[in-house]
């Protein structure tokens, strides 16, 4: 893990915190089985397993299981060099290395929207048993299928 630095570790920790955090709510009347709970998960449709730093390059892997597919493990990759450059171009006024928590939150936001934009059920399991849904270099790019949506 020669390429791991304090920034990569801070982003990994912040992503893990976001994905495992519970939040308090007083909302009632929803249509899911956990609507009565006062503390809810960030994204109740997914069980997150972890965020790992790539051993051979600067990157992160997030693994999760959809609640409606309990036997499947999916993965989302983040190539940090590509993501840093892309985020810097989009946001412009912020250096992501000076704002690791903000960068981590944006990575989670993009991952959630990416998962919603692709058909993850079509992902094929790799040798490690994980169904990787992306390559890692497309983070912060136009979402798949975005050309088909007109507002």
Foldseek 3Di string as FASTA:
>chain_A
DVADDPLLVLLQVLLVCLQAAWDADPDADDDDPCRPDRTGGNDNQKDWDGWDADPPAGKIKTWIDGPVGVVAIAIEIARPVLLQVLVCVVVVVDRCSVPSNVSSVLQVVQVVVLPVQDDQVPFDQDPVRYRYPDDNNCGNHDHPPPVVDDD
